[in-house]
Amino acid sequence: DELARQIGMSTSRLTAGFRRLFAMSVVTFIQEQRLAHALAELREGRSSIAQVAFKVGYSPAYFSTLFRRKFGYQPSALTGKQR
């Protein structure tokens, strides 16, 4: 809603246009970006899974679920640690 207001169009028009251009919703796009950032952070190995989860805006449990759905494995596979 805020983004639509900032650019001067309705939320429904912004959502429809975004979906047409990118073949996904704004929410899905943001989630994809957050998970990609988390993957990069975990590969660097400087932060725990919980720290990365909070950094990208999720609880550790929900983050692990989303991560597994997106990438097909648990985030702990990158760190060798549990949450």
C-alpha atoms as a PDB file:
ATOM      1  CA  ASP A   1       0.000   0.000   0.000  1.00  0.00           C
ATOM      2  CA  GLU A   2       2.776   2.410   0.943  1.00  0.00           C
ATOM      3  CA  LEU A   3       4.706   1.803  -2.277  1.00  0.00           C
ATOM      4  CA  ALA A   4       1.567   2.331  -4.349  1.00  0.00           C
ATOM      5  CA  ARG A   5       0.927   5.610  -2.527  1.00  0.00           C
ATOM      6  CA  GLN A   6       4.495   6.767  -3.071  1.00  0.00           C
ATOM      7  CA  ILE A   7       4.320   6.249  -6.815  1.00  0.00           C
ATOM      8  CA  GLY A   8       0.783   7.572  -7.118  1.00  0.00           C
ATOM      9  CA  MET A   9      -1.184   4.533  -8.209  1.00  0.00           C
ATOM     10  CA  SER A  10      -3.680   2.179  -6.660  1.00  0.00           C
ATOM     11  CA  THR A  11      -2.494  -0.943  -4.890  1.00  0.00           C
ATOM     12  CA  SER A  12      -4.450  -3.187  -7.250  1.00  0.00           C
ATOM     13  CA  ARG A  13      -2.965  -1.522 -10.343  1.00  0.00           C
ATOM     14  CA  LEU A  14       0.563  -1.774  -8.947  1.00  0.00           C
ATOM     15  CA  THR A  15       0.024  -5.434  -8.023  1.00  0.00           C
ATOM     16  CA  ALA A  16      -1.404  -6.311 -11.445  1.00  0.00           C
ATOM     17  CA  GLY A  17       1.378  -4.500 -13.303  1.00  0.00           C
ATOM     18  CA  PHE A  18       4.078  -6.059 -11.165  1.00  0.00           C
ATOM     19  CA  ARG A  19       2.616  -9.533 -11.693  1.00  0.00           C
ATOM     20  CA  ARG A  20       2.487  -8.947 -15.469  1.00  0.00           C
ATOM     21  CA  LEU A  21       6.121  -7.807 -15.606  1.00  0.00           C
ATOM     22  CA  PHE A  22       7.689 -10.269 -13.187  1.00  0.00           C
ATOM     23  CA  ALA A  23       5.259 -13.227 -13.184  1.00  0.00           C
ATOM     24  CA  MET A  24       4.964 -13.078  -9.394  1.00  0.00           C
ATOM     25  CA  SER A  25       3.316 -10.976  -6.731  1.00  0.00           C
ATOM     26  CA  VAL A  26       5.122  -8.183  -4.916  1.00  0.00           C
ATOM     27  CA  VAL A  27       5.010 -10.264  -1.722  1.00  0.00           C
ATOM     28  CA  THR A  28       6.553 -13.276  -3.465  1.00  0.00           C
ATOM     29  CA  PHE A  29       9.267 -11.071  -4.977  1.00  0.00           C
ATOM     30  CA  ILE A  30      10.157  -9.625  -1.570  1.00  0.00           C
ATOM     31  CA  GLN A  31      10.224 -13.096  -0.027  1.00  0.00           C
ATOM     32  CA  GLU A  32      12.504 -14.342  -2.820  1.00  0.00           C
ATOM     33  CA  GLN A  33      14.879 -11.430  -2.233  1.00  0.00           C
ATOM     34  CA  ARG A  34      14.938 -12.015   1.516  1.00  0.00           C
ATOM     35  CA  LEU A  35      15.716 -15.710   1.054  1.00  0.00           C
ATOM     36  CA  ALA A  36      18.434 -14.995  -1.523  1.00  0.00           C
ATOM     37  CA  HIS A  37      20.041 -12.563   0.915  1.00  0.00           C
ATOM     38  CA  ALA A  38      19.782 -15.159   3.685  1.00  0.00           C
ATOM     39  CA  LEU A  39      21.413 -17.805   1.494  1.00  0.00           C
ATOM     40  CA  ALA A  40      24.351 -15.482   0.804  1.00  0.00           C
ATOM     41  CA  GLU A  41      24.679 -14.678   4.514  1.00  0.00           C
ATOM     42  CA  LEU A  42      24.667 -18.347   5.486  1.00  0.00           C
ATOM     43  CA  ARG A  43      27.267 -19.188   2.849  1.00  0.00           C
ATOM     44  CA  GLU A  44      29.554 -16.515   4.306  1.00  0.00           C
ATOM     45  CA  GLY A  45      29.372 -18.431   7.570  1.00  0.00           C
ATOM     46  CA  ARG A  46      29.670 -15.442   9.901  1.00  0.00           C
ATOM     47  CA  SER A  47      26.146 -15.575  11.344  1.00  0.00           C
ATOM     48  CA  SER A  48      24.003 -18.237  12.948  1.00  0.00           C
ATOM     49  CA  ILE A  49      20.763 -19.391  11.360  1.00  0.00           C
ATOM     50  CA  ALA A  50      18.786 -17.495  13.997  1.00  0.00           C
ATOM     51  CA  GLN A  51      20.747 -14.296  13.368  1.00  0.00           C
ATOM     52  CA  VAL A  52      20.192 -14.572   9.624  1.00  0.00           C
ATOM     53  CA  ALA A  53      16.502 -15.354  10.117  1.00  0.00           C
ATOM     54  CA  PHE A  54      15.984 -12.261  12.245  1.00  0.00           C
ATOM     55  CA  LYS A  55      18.106 -10.144   9.905  1.00  0.00           C
ATOM     56  CA  VAL A  56      15.827 -10.958   6.963  1.00  0.00           C
ATOM     57  CA  GLY A  57      12.676 -10.523   9.038  1.00  0.00           C
ATOM     58  CA  TYR A  58      11.555 -14.008  10.010  1.00  0.00           C
ATOM     59  CA  SER A  59      11.421 -16.127  13.145  1.00  0.00           C
ATOM     60  CA  PRO A  60      13.964 -18.961  12.974  1.00  0.00           C
ATOM     61  CA  ALA A  61      11.293 -21.681  12.708  1.00  0.00           C
ATOM     62  CA  TYR A  62       9.361 -19.969   9.908  1.00  0.00           C
ATOM     63  CA  PHE A  63      12.610 -19.073   8.156  1.00  0.00           C
ATOM     64  CA  SER A  64      13.700 -22.726   8.157  1.00  0.00           C
ATOM     65  CA  THR A  65      10.370 -23.760   6.636  1.00  0.00           C
ATOM     66  CA  LEU A  66      10.526 -21.123   3.884  1.00  0.00           C
ATOM     67  CA  PHE A  67      14.195 -21.841   3.207  1.00  0.00           C
ATOM     68  CA  ARG A  68      13.545 -25.577   2.820  1.00  0.00           C
ATOM     69  CA  ARG A  69      10.599 -24.930   0.476  1.00  0.00           C
ATOM     70  CA  LYS A  70      12.679 -22.589  -1.679  1.00  0.00           C
ATOM     71  CA  PHE A  71      16.027 -24.379  -1.795  1.00  0.00           C
ATOM     72  CA  GLY A  72      15.092 -27.997  -1.014  1.00  0.00           C
ATOM     73  CA  TYR A  73      17.271 -28.375   2.071  1.00  0.00           C
ATOM     74  CA  GLN A  74      17.468 -27.025   5.609  1.00  0.00           C
ATOM     75  CA  PRO A  75      19.637 -23.977   6.293  1.00  0.00           C
ATOM     76  CA  SER A  76      21.574 -26.123   8.754  1.00  0.00           C
ATOM     77  CA  ALA A  77      23.005 -27.993   5.750  1.00  0.00           C
ATOM     78  CA  LEU A  78      25.098 -24.882   5.072  1.00  0.00           C
ATOM     79  CA  THR A  79      26.303 -24.404   8.606  1.00  0.00           C
ATOM     80  CA  GLY A  80      26.394 -27.940   9.928  1.00  0.00           C
ATOM     81  CA  LYS A  81      24.464 -26.637  12.953  1.00  0.00           C
ATOM     82  CA  GLN A  82      20.882 -26.787  14.112  1.00  0.00           C
ATOM     83  CA  ARG A  83      18.845 -23.642  14.687  1.00  0.00           C
END
